[in-house]
Amino acid sequence: MDIRCKNLFDAIPEQLENEQFIELLNTGDVLIERIVSKGHSSDWFDQQRNEWVVLLQGEAIIAFKDETEVCLKKGDFLLLPAHKKHRVKWTAPNQHSIWLAVHYL
C-alpha cells in the first residue's frame, strides 16, 4: 500500500487540449478522480453511478437535459444522481477549474 502524501494541486498542466481526468482511488464500488478543466465543455453524460463533485478552484456551469443550470464557484459541491443527464456547459477560460469527483453506487 502506498502511504506517501500527495497533493491535489500538484502537476497541473498549464495548457490542456482536453479535460484531464486522473484516477486517485478505485475500489470497484467507489471511484475518486481529479478533473482539471480550462475553458472546456463536455458532451452529455448519462452515468451508471451517482457522482458527488466539488469544485476546488475555478468556476463552472453544469447544464441538465431539463434545461436547468447550476453555476459553481470555488468550494461548491453537487450531487449528480445516476442517469441524471448532464454536461459541463462552461469552465473559466482564464484559470484552471479543479474538481474532485466521487463516483459510487
C-alpha atoms as a PDB file:
ATOM      1  CA  MET A   1       0.000   0.000   0.000  1.00  0.00           C
ATOM      2  CA  ASP A   2       1.349   3.446  -0.992  1.00  0.00           C
ATOM      3  CA  ILE A   3       1.101   5.798   2.001  1.00  0.00           C
ATOM      4  CA  ARG A   4       3.077   8.728   0.578  1.00  0.00           C
ATOM      5  CA  CYS A   5       1.426  12.130   0.932  1.00  0.00           C
ATOM      6  CA  LYS A   6       0.238  13.602  -2.357  1.00  0.00           C
ATOM      7  CA  ASN A   7      -1.354  16.944  -3.232  1.00  0.00           C
ATOM      8  CA  LEU A   8      -4.403  17.561  -5.449  1.00  0.00           C
ATOM      9  CA  PHE A   9      -2.834  20.769  -6.759  1.00  0.00           C
ATOM     10  CA  ASP A  10       0.434  19.170  -7.942  1.00  0.00           C
ATOM     11  CA  ALA A  11       1.213  18.574 -11.622  1.00  0.00           C
ATOM     12  CA  ILE A  12      -1.459  20.856 -13.081  1.00  0.00           C
ATOM     13  CA  PRO A  13      -0.580  21.280 -16.775  1.00  0.00           C
ATOM     14  CA  GLU A  14      -0.618  24.892 -17.987  1.00  0.00           C
ATOM     15  CA  GLN A  15      -2.070  24.006 -21.399  1.00  0.00           C
ATOM     16  CA  LEU A  16      -4.887  21.486 -21.750  1.00  0.00           C
ATOM     17  CA  GLU A  17      -6.200  20.367 -25.122  1.00  0.00           C
ATOM     18  CA  ASN A  18      -8.826  18.238 -23.337  1.00  0.00           C
ATOM     19  CA  GLU A  19     -10.029  17.995 -19.781  1.00  0.00           C
ATOM     20  CA  GLN A  20      -7.643  15.946 -17.660  1.00  0.00           C
ATOM     21  CA  PHE A  21      -9.006  13.023 -15.613  1.00  0.00           C
ATOM     22  CA  ILE A  22      -6.668  11.472 -13.020  1.00  0.00           C
ATOM     23  CA  GLU A  23      -7.872   8.412 -11.104  1.00  0.00           C
ATOM     24  CA  LEU A  24      -6.921   8.781  -7.443  1.00  0.00           C
ATOM     25  CA  LEU A  25      -8.690   5.732  -5.990  1.00  0.00           C
ATOM     26  CA  ASN A  26     -10.733   2.907  -7.456  1.00  0.00           C
ATOM     27  CA  THR A  27     -12.122   0.149  -5.220  1.00  0.00           C
ATOM     28  CA  GLY A  28     -14.668  -1.070  -7.760  1.00  0.00           C
ATOM     29  CA  ASP A  29     -17.510   0.345  -5.649  1.00  0.00           C
ATOM     30  CA  VAL A  30     -16.011   3.839  -5.353  1.00  0.00           C
ATOM     31  CA  LEU A  31     -14.012   5.845  -7.883  1.00  0.00           C
ATOM     32  CA  ILE A  32     -12.368   9.137  -6.872  1.00  0.00           C
ATOM     33  CA  GLU A  33     -10.801  11.308  -9.543  1.00  0.00           C
ATOM     34  CA  ARG A  34      -9.298  14.738 -10.014  1.00  0.00           C
ATOM     35  CA  ILE A  35     -10.558  16.592 -13.065  1.00  0.00           C
ATOM     36  CA  VAL A  36      -8.828  19.671 -14.464  1.00  0.00           C
ATOM     37  CA  SER A  37     -10.599  21.973 -16.947  1.00  0.00           C
ATOM     38  CA  LYS A  38      -9.638  25.282 -18.506  1.00  0.00           C
ATOM     39  CA  GLY A  39     -12.201  26.698 -20.910  1.00  0.00           C
ATOM     40  CA  HIS A  40     -13.631  23.234 -21.595  1.00  0.00           C
ATOM     41  CA  SER A  41     -17.145  21.943 -22.065  1.00  0.00           C
ATOM     42  CA  SER A  42     -18.368  18.365 -22.471  1.00  0.00           C
ATOM     43  CA  ASP A  43     -20.890  16.190 -24.236  1.00  0.00           C
ATOM     44  CA  TRP A  44     -23.849  14.781 -22.331  1.00  0.00           C
ATOM     45  CA  PHE A  45     -23.171  12.272 -19.556  1.00  0.00           C
ATOM     46  CA  ASP A  46     -25.615   9.504 -18.572  1.00  0.00           C
ATOM     47  CA  GLN A  47     -23.634   7.770 -15.843  1.00  0.00           C
ATOM     48  CA  GLN A  48     -24.265   4.382 -14.251  1.00  0.00           C
ATOM     49  CA  ARG A  49     -23.159   5.633 -10.819  1.00  0.00           C
ATOM     50  CA  ASN A  50     -24.005   8.555  -8.564  1.00  0.00           C
ATOM     51  CA  GLU A  51     -21.410  11.324  -8.636  1.00  0.00           C
ATOM     52  CA  TRP A  52     -20.602  13.800  -5.886  1.00  0.00           C
ATOM     53  CA  VAL A  53     -18.400  16.585  -7.194  1.00  0.00           C
ATOM     54  CA  VAL A  54     -16.752  19.580  -5.530  1.00  0.00           C
ATOM     55  CA  LEU A  55     -15.101  22.459  -7.362  1.00  0.00           C
ATOM     56  CA  LEU A  56     -11.864  23.139  -5.501  1.00  0.00           C
ATOM     57  CA  GLN A  57     -10.775  26.023  -7.732  1.00  0.00           C
ATOM     58  CA  GLY A  58     -12.213  27.978 -10.644  1.00  0.00           C
ATOM     59  CA  GLU A  59     -15.739  28.414 -11.978  1.00  0.00           C
ATOM     60  CA  ALA A  60     -18.060  26.207 -13.989  1.00  0.00           C
ATOM     61  CA  ILE A  61     -21.619  25.732 -15.215  1.00  0.00           C
ATOM     62  CA  ILE A  62     -23.321  22.317 -15.209  1.00  0.00           C
ATOM     63  CA  ALA A  63     -26.355  22.014 -17.526  1.00  0.00           C
ATOM     64  CA  PHE A  64     -29.091  19.403 -17.309  1.00  0.00           C
ATOM     65  CA  LYS A  65     -31.321  17.924 -20.035  1.00  0.00           C
ATOM     66  CA  ASP A  66     -34.342  19.685 -18.492  1.00  0.00           C
ATOM     67  CA  GLU A  67     -32.555  22.971 -19.354  1.00  0.00           C
ATOM     68  CA  THR A  68     -31.745  23.932 -15.761  1.00  0.00           C
ATOM     69  CA  GLU A  69     -28.211  25.043 -14.968  1.00  0.00           C
ATOM     70  CA  VAL A  70     -26.080  25.235 -11.843  1.00  0.00           C
ATOM     71  CA  CYS A  71     -23.265  27.782 -11.569  1.00  0.00           C
ATOM     72  CA  LEU A  72     -20.385  26.568  -9.427  1.00  0.00           C
ATOM     73  CA  LYS A  73     -17.582  28.526  -7.824  1.00  0.00           C
ATOM     74  CA  LYS A  74     -14.727  27.522  -5.542  1.00  0.00           C
ATOM     75  CA  GLY A  75     -15.999  25.301  -2.733  1.00  0.00           C
ATOM     76  CA  ASP A  76     -19.395  24.498  -4.267  1.00  0.00           C
ATOM     77  CA  PHE A  77     -20.424  20.849  -4.436  1.00  0.00           C
ATOM     78  CA  LEU A  78     -23.194  18.984  -6.188  1.00  0.00           C
ATOM     79  CA  LEU A  79     -24.750  15.515  -6.167  1.00  0.00           C
ATOM     80  CA  LEU A  80     -25.459  14.106  -9.626  1.00  0.00           C
ATOM     81  CA  PRO A  81     -27.716  11.039  -9.291  1.00  0.00           C
ATOM     82  CA  ALA A  82     -27.102   8.081 -11.586  1.00  0.00           C
ATOM     83  CA  HIS A  83     -28.693   8.606 -15.029  1.00  0.00           C
ATOM     84  CA  LYS A  84     -29.311  12.323 -14.422  1.00  0.00           C
ATOM     85  CA  LYS A  85     -28.242  13.576 -17.856  1.00  0.00           C
ATOM     86  CA  HIS A  86     -25.840  16.493 -17.512  1.00  0.00           C
ATOM     87  CA  ARG A  87     -22.884  18.163 -19.138  1.00  0.00           C
ATOM     88  CA  VAL A  88     -20.232  20.713 -18.338  1.00  0.00           C
ATOM     89  CA  LYS A  89     -21.512  23.718 -20.257  1.00  0.00           C
ATOM     90  CA  TRP A  90     -18.646  26.078 -19.393  1.00  0.00           C
ATOM     91  CA  THR A  91     -15.465  26.345 -17.360  1.00  0.00           C
ATOM     92  CA  ALA A  92     -13.487  29.533 -16.810  1.00  0.00           C
ATOM     93  CA  PRO A  93     -11.090  30.077 -19.740  1.00  0.00           C
ATOM     94  CA  ASN A  94      -8.589  32.187 -17.793  1.00  0.00           C
ATOM     95  CA  GLN A  95      -7.939  29.813 -14.876  1.00  0.00           C
ATOM     96  CA  HIS A  96      -7.879  26.114 -14.096  1.00  0.00           C
ATOM     97  CA  SER A  97     -11.061  24.607 -12.719  1.00  0.00           C
ATOM     98  CA  ILE A  98     -10.042  21.760 -10.444  1.00  0.00           C
ATOM     99  CA  TRP A  99     -12.689  19.227  -9.466  1.00  0.00           C
ATOM    100  CA  LEU A 100     -12.762  16.325  -7.061  1.00  0.00           C
ATOM    101  CA  ALA A 101     -15.315  13.726  -8.187  1.00  0.00           C
ATOM    102  CA  VAL A 102     -16.524  10.741  -6.175  1.00  0.00           C
ATOM    103  CA  HIS A 103     -18.449   8.108  -8.158  1.00  0.00           C
ATOM    104  CA  TYR A 104     -20.359   5.480  -6.173  1.00  0.00           C
ATOM    105  CA  LEU A 105     -23.255   3.029  -6.430  1.00  0.00           C
END
